[in-house]
């Protein structure tokens, strides 16, 4: 059965994240381990690692997930940006391994100034470099994008082209499916029949065995709107029943669900998702 969680703040230190998640009624959570805007990562001392794991145990949360910083761009024409992105994501995998995270998920970047095909090649090569020689326990997930501008990964075909060269590498996990992003990119799953069709296409082009995690967000923009604008569950163009159609399928019942909505109504969002999950 799916564990239901949300993205929580690490203000004051990552040690506070498990309790923040628990206070919201979460069964798991997602967080950053460093500032998403830039700067060095806070040191993970042996004492901090020990206390973090103790907090996880006290909150009865078995695992959590890490989101990479916003500035990651594996397709950049600027080598400095691309190499920095590779370094940071490798660090996040290593940090996740010592903290006990199941997955690190990352956006892929923009192909601005080149063809999408050239950008895809750069992304796949970057992922190869991240995983080269990696021996940790935390695995990397590629996140589906919303299709804004020149962002890579908004179609199953693009994700598959990046996944195929790296899928057998140690440390590669699979795909994080964001409901808002997929909907904004043009994938309509708001009825059981449409949800089955989307999953059949995912299976054909990527493979359902690589579906490992879900970001569950409603959408401020309508189908195919090509904008990444998360909305509270039931307040957007997908709606509660639209999300229910997808989330009650067998593949989504096997993976965890993570909200990325604003603070104001997250407890209500979590309550609705638990109801969809049958709890």
Protein backbone atom coordinates (compact mmCIF):
# COMPACT_ATOMS: atom_id res chain seq x y z
CA UNK A 1 0.00 0.00 0.00
CA UNK A 2 1.16 3.52 -0.78
CA UNK A 3 2.68 5.69 1.93
CA UNK A 4 1.46 9.26 1.73
CA UNK A 5 3.67 12.25 2.45
CA UNK A 6 4.62 15.78 1.51
CA UNK A 7 7.63 17.96 0.84
CA UNK A 8 8.70 19.50 4.15
CA UNK A 9 11.09 22.29 5.05
CA UNK A 10 14.57 21.75 6.51
CA UNK A 11 14.68 25.26 8.03
CA UNK A 12 16.68 24.93 11.22
CA UNK A 13 18.27 21.71 10.01
CA UNK A 14 17.25 18.46 8.36
CA UNK A 15 16.95 16.95 11.85
CA UNK A 16 13.56 18.74 12.13
CA UNK A 17 12.08 17.28 8.94
CA UNK A 18 10.72 13.96 10.32
CA UNK A 19 8.69 15.68 13.06
CA UNK A 20 7.36 18.26 10.60
CA UNK A 21 6.16 15.41 8.41
CA UNK A 22 4.69 13.53 11.36
CA UNK A 23 2.83 16.62 12.57
CA UNK A 24 1.14 16.83 9.16
CA UNK A 25 0.03 13.21 9.35
CA UNK A 26 2.58 12.03 6.81
CA UNK A 27 3.77 8.45 6.54
CA UNK A 28 6.82 9.49 4.51
CA UNK A 29 8.24 12.79 3.26
CA UNK A 30 10.44 14.57 0.76
CA UNK A 31 12.95 17.32 1.50
CA UNK A 32 16.07 19.07 0.29
CA UNK A 33 19.35 18.40 2.10
CA UNK A 34 20.78 21.79 1.06
CA UNK A 35 19.48 25.14 -0.12
CA UNK A 36 17.59 24.64 -3.40
CA UNK A 37 18.90 27.99 -4.62
CA UNK A 38 22.65 27.34 -4.25
CA UNK A 39 25.54 27.34 -1.84
CA UNK A 40 27.45 24.59 -0.04
CA UNK A 41 25.63 21.68 1.55
CA UNK A 42 25.44 21.60 5.37
CA UNK A 43 27.79 19.01 6.85
CA UNK A 44 26.27 15.68 7.81
CA UNK A 45 28.16 14.93 11.01
CA UNK A 46 28.01 11.48 12.63
CA UNK A 47 25.99 12.99 15.48
CA UNK A 48 23.49 14.59 13.08
CA UNK A 49 23.09 11.33 11.13
CA UNK A 50 22.50 9.40 14.36
CA UNK A 51 19.93 11.91 15.64
CA UNK A 52 18.15 12.11 12.27
CA UNK A 53 17.70 8.33 12.22
CA UNK A 54 16.49 8.45 15.82
CA UNK A 55 13.89 11.06 14.84
CA UNK A 56 12.78 8.87 11.94
CA UNK A 57 12.31 5.96 14.34
CA UNK A 58 10.45 8.03 16.93
CA UNK A 59 8.12 9.38 14.22
CA UNK A 60 7.62 5.83 12.87
CA UNK A 61 8.69 6.89 9.37
CA UNK A 62 10.67 4.19 7.61
CA UNK A 63 12.01 6.10 4.63
CA UNK A 64 12.11 9.50 2.96
CA UNK A 65 13.02 11.06 -0.37
CA UNK A 66 15.40 13.81 -1.46
CA UNK A 67 14.73 16.40 -4.15
CA UNK A 68 17.74 17.93 -5.88
CA UNK A 69 18.19 21.74 -6.00
CA UNK A 70 16.29 23.78 -8.58
CA UNK A 71 19.39 24.91 -10.47
CA UNK A 72 20.30 21.45 -11.83
CA UNK A 73 20.75 21.49 -15.62
CA UNK A 74 22.29 18.40 -17.18
CA UNK A 75 21.76 19.77 -20.71
CA UNK A 76 23.39 23.19 -20.32
CA UNK A 77 25.69 24.41 -23.09
CA UNK A 78 27.86 25.85 -20.32
CA UNK A 79 30.24 23.07 -19.15
CA UNK A 80 30.60 24.68 -15.72
CA UNK A 81 26.85 24.42 -15.07
CA UNK A 82 26.61 20.87 -16.41
CA UNK A 83 29.60 19.63 -14.41
CA UNK A 84 28.37 21.37 -11.25
CA UNK A 85 24.98 19.68 -11.70
CA UNK A 86 26.63 16.28 -12.01
CA UNK A 87 28.74 16.89 -8.90
CA UNK A 88 25.81 18.10 -6.78
CA UNK A 89 23.51 15.19 -7.71
CA UNK A 90 26.26 12.66 -6.99
CA UNK A 91 26.71 14.36 -3.61
CA UNK A 92 22.97 14.11 -2.97
CA UNK A 93 23.05 10.38 -3.67
CA UNK A 94 25.94 9.97 -1.24
CA UNK A 95 24.17 12.11 1.37
CA UNK A 96 20.98 10.14 0.86
CA UNK A 97 22.86 6.89 1.42
CA UNK A 98 24.18 7.94 4.83
CA UNK A 99 20.80 9.36 5.90
CA UNK A 100 18.76 6.41 4.62
CA UNK A 101 16.82 8.01 1.75
CA UNK A 102 15.24 5.63 -0.72
CA UNK A 103 15.53 7.86 -3.80
CA UNK A 104 16.95 11.17 -4.99
CA UNK A 105 14.82 12.71 -7.72
CA UNK A 106 15.91 15.37 -10.15
CA UNK A 107 14.61 17.64 -12.87
CA UNK A 108 16.69 17.25 -16.02
CA UNK A 109 17.31 20.74 -17.34
CA UNK A 110 16.86 22.91 -20.43
CA UNK A 111 18.14 22.39 -23.97
CA UNK A 112 18.09 26.15 -24.71
CA UNK A 113 20.41 27.05 -27.60
CA UNK A 114 20.51 23.55 -29.10
CA UNK A 115 18.15 20.90 -30.42
CA UNK A 116 16.18 18.75 -28.03
CA UNK A 117 18.04 15.71 -29.37
CA UNK A 118 21.39 17.31 -28.47
CA UNK A 119 20.06 18.15 -25.03
CA UNK A 120 18.85 14.59 -24.44
CA UNK A 121 22.30 13.23 -25.30
CA UNK A 122 23.87 15.61 -22.74
CA UNK A 123 21.38 14.58 -20.06
CA UNK A 124 21.95 10.86 -20.60
CA UNK A 125 25.72 11.39 -20.55
CA UNK A 126 25.41 13.41 -17.32
CA UNK A 127 23.41 10.65 -15.64
CA UNK A 128 26.08 8.15 -16.70
CA UNK A 129 28.75 10.31 -15.09
CA UNK A 130 26.73 10.66 -11.88
CA UNK A 131 26.37 6.90 -11.52
CA UNK A 132 29.87 5.93 -12.69
CA UNK A 133 31.50 4.14 -9.75
CA UNK A 134 28.59 4.88 -7.41
CA UNK A 135 28.10 2.21 -4.73
CA UNK A 136 25.52 3.79 -2.41
CA UNK A 137 22.07 2.57 -1.46
CA UNK A 138 20.02 5.61 -2.50
CA UNK A 139 18.90 5.47 -6.14
CA UNK A 140 18.34 8.21 -8.73
CA UNK A 141 14.95 8.99 -10.25
CA UNK A 142 14.22 11.09 -13.34
CA UNK A 143 11.22 13.39 -12.87
CA UNK A 144 8.67 13.95 -15.63
CA UNK A 145 8.51 17.63 -16.63
CA UNK A 146 5.56 19.92 -17.45
CA UNK A 147 6.71 20.98 -20.91
CA UNK A 148 7.54 24.60 -20.11
CA UNK A 149 9.82 26.26 -22.65
CA UNK A 150 12.89 24.19 -23.49
CA UNK A 151 12.69 21.89 -20.45
CA UNK A 152 13.59 18.25 -21.17
CA UNK A 153 11.55 15.24 -20.08
CA UNK A 154 7.95 16.28 -20.67
CA UNK A 155 7.11 13.26 -22.84
CA UNK A 156 7.48 9.56 -22.21
CA UNK A 157 9.57 9.36 -25.36
CA UNK A 158 12.14 11.85 -24.06
CA UNK A 159 12.32 10.17 -20.67
CA UNK A 160 12.82 6.79 -22.37
CA UNK A 161 15.68 8.13 -24.50
CA UNK A 162 17.49 9.22 -21.33
CA UNK A 163 16.60 6.12 -19.34
CA UNK A 164 17.57 3.48 -21.88
CA UNK A 165 21.38 4.07 -21.84
CA UNK A 166 21.54 4.13 -18.02
CA UNK A 167 18.79 1.79 -16.80
CA UNK A 168 21.19 -1.06 -16.03
CA UNK A 169 23.69 1.07 -14.09
CA UNK A 170 23.99 0.56 -10.33
CA UNK A 171 22.20 3.39 -8.55
CA UNK A 172 19.59 4.04 -11.24
CA UNK A 173 16.07 3.73 -9.85
CA UNK A 174 13.59 4.82 -12.48
CA UNK A 175 10.99 7.56 -12.90
CA UNK A 176 9.08 9.93 -10.63
CA UNK A 177 5.63 10.65 -12.15
CA UNK A 178 4.34 14.11 -11.28
CA UNK A 179 0.57 14.31 -11.87
CA UNK A 180 0.61 18.08 -12.41
CA UNK A 181 3.56 17.92 -14.80
CA UNK A 182 2.18 15.02 -16.83
CA UNK A 183 -1.26 16.68 -17.09
CA UNK A 184 0.26 20.03 -18.11
CA UNK A 185 2.33 18.18 -20.71
CA UNK A 186 -0.86 16.74 -22.27
CA UNK A 187 -1.43 13.36 -20.62
CA UNK A 188 -5.11 13.08 -19.64
CA UNK A 189 -5.77 10.43 -16.98
CA UNK A 190 -8.97 11.83 -15.44
CA UNK A 191 -11.14 8.78 -16.08
CA UNK A 192 -10.35 5.11 -15.44
CA UNK A 193 -10.24 4.46 -19.18
CA UNK A 194 -7.89 7.38 -19.84
CA UNK A 195 -5.71 6.43 -16.88
CA UNK A 196 -5.35 2.91 -18.24
CA UNK A 197 -4.43 4.33 -21.66
CA UNK A 198 -1.75 6.62 -20.18
CA UNK A 199 -0.27 3.74 -18.18
CA UNK A 200 -0.29 1.50 -21.24
CA UNK A 201 1.65 4.18 -23.14
CA UNK A 202 4.06 4.57 -20.20
CA UNK A 203 4.60 0.81 -20.15
CA UNK A 204 5.20 0.65 -23.88
CA UNK A 205 7.67 3.54 -24.04
CA UNK A 206 9.36 3.43 -20.60
CA UNK A 207 8.20 0.31 -18.76
CA UNK A 208 5.97 0.26 -15.67
CA UNK A 209 8.73 -1.46 -13.70
CA UNK A 210 10.52 1.91 -13.73
CA UNK A 211 7.58 3.76 -12.16
CA UNK A 212 8.93 4.21 -8.62
CA UNK A 213 7.35 7.30 -7.05
CA UNK A 214 4.53 9.82 -7.55
CA UNK A 215 4.39 13.53 -6.94
CA UNK A 216 0.66 14.07 -6.46
CA UNK A 217 -0.41 17.62 -7.19
CA UNK A 218 -3.46 19.15 -8.80
CA UNK A 219 -2.86 21.64 -11.63
CA UNK A 220 -3.56 25.36 -11.92
CA UNK A 221 -3.39 25.03 -15.71
CA UNK A 222 -5.65 22.99 -17.95
CA UNK A 223 -4.64 19.91 -19.93
CA UNK A 224 -1.62 20.62 -22.13
CA UNK A 225 -1.07 24.06 -20.56
CA UNK A 226 2.71 23.48 -20.47
CA UNK A 227 3.23 25.24 -17.15
CA UNK A 228 4.43 23.85 -13.82
CA UNK A 229 1.82 25.26 -11.44
CA UNK A 230 0.87 22.99 -8.54
CA UNK A 231 -2.57 23.34 -6.95
CA UNK A 232 -4.17 21.84 -3.85
CA UNK A 233 -5.97 18.56 -4.35
CA UNK A 234 -9.43 19.21 -5.79
CA UNK A 235 -8.85 22.91 -6.49
CA UNK A 236 -7.34 22.50 -9.95
CA UNK A 237 -8.17 21.21 -13.41
CA UNK A 238 -7.44 17.56 -12.53
CA UNK A 239 -9.78 17.38 -9.55
CA UNK A 240 -10.22 14.75 -6.86
CA UNK A 241 -11.94 12.27 -9.15
CA UNK A 242 -9.33 12.84 -11.85
CA UNK A 243 -6.56 12.01 -9.41
CA UNK A 244 -8.56 9.07 -8.05
CA UNK A 245 -8.77 7.55 -11.54
CA UNK A 246 -4.96 7.39 -11.75
CA UNK A 247 -4.05 6.76 -8.13
CA UNK A 248 -6.34 3.76 -7.71
CA UNK A 249 -4.68 1.86 -10.57
CA UNK A 250 -2.50 -1.08 -9.54
CA UNK A 251 0.82 0.56 -10.53
CA UNK A 252 0.12 3.65 -8.40
CA UNK A 253 -1.07 1.58 -5.44
CA UNK A 254 2.44 0.06 -5.30
CA UNK A 255 4.36 3.34 -4.97
CA UNK A 256 4.46 6.22 -2.47
CA UNK A 257 2.67 9.53 -3.07
CA UNK A 258 4.22 12.91 -2.21
CA UNK A 259 2.42 16.25 -2.13
CA UNK A 260 4.24 19.41 -3.17
CA UNK A 261 1.55 21.94 -2.32
CA UNK A 262 1.73 25.09 -0.19
CA UNK A 263 1.44 24.99 3.61
CA UNK A 264 -2.08 26.43 3.86
CA UNK A 265 -4.10 23.32 2.96
CA UNK A 266 -1.60 20.46 3.04
CA UNK A 267 -3.26 18.67 5.94
CA UNK A 268 -6.53 18.65 3.98
CA UNK A 269 -4.65 17.46 0.88
CA UNK A 270 -3.18 14.58 2.89
CA UNK A 271 -6.60 13.70 4.29
CA UNK A 272 -8.06 13.50 0.77
CA UNK A 273 -5.18 11.34 -0.49
CA UNK A 274 -5.59 8.97 2.44
CA UNK A 275 -9.28 8.70 1.59
CA UNK A 276 -8.44 7.91 -2.05
CA UNK A 277 -6.00 5.27 -0.77
CA UNK A 278 -8.78 3.69 1.31
CA UNK A 279 -7.68 4.82 4.76
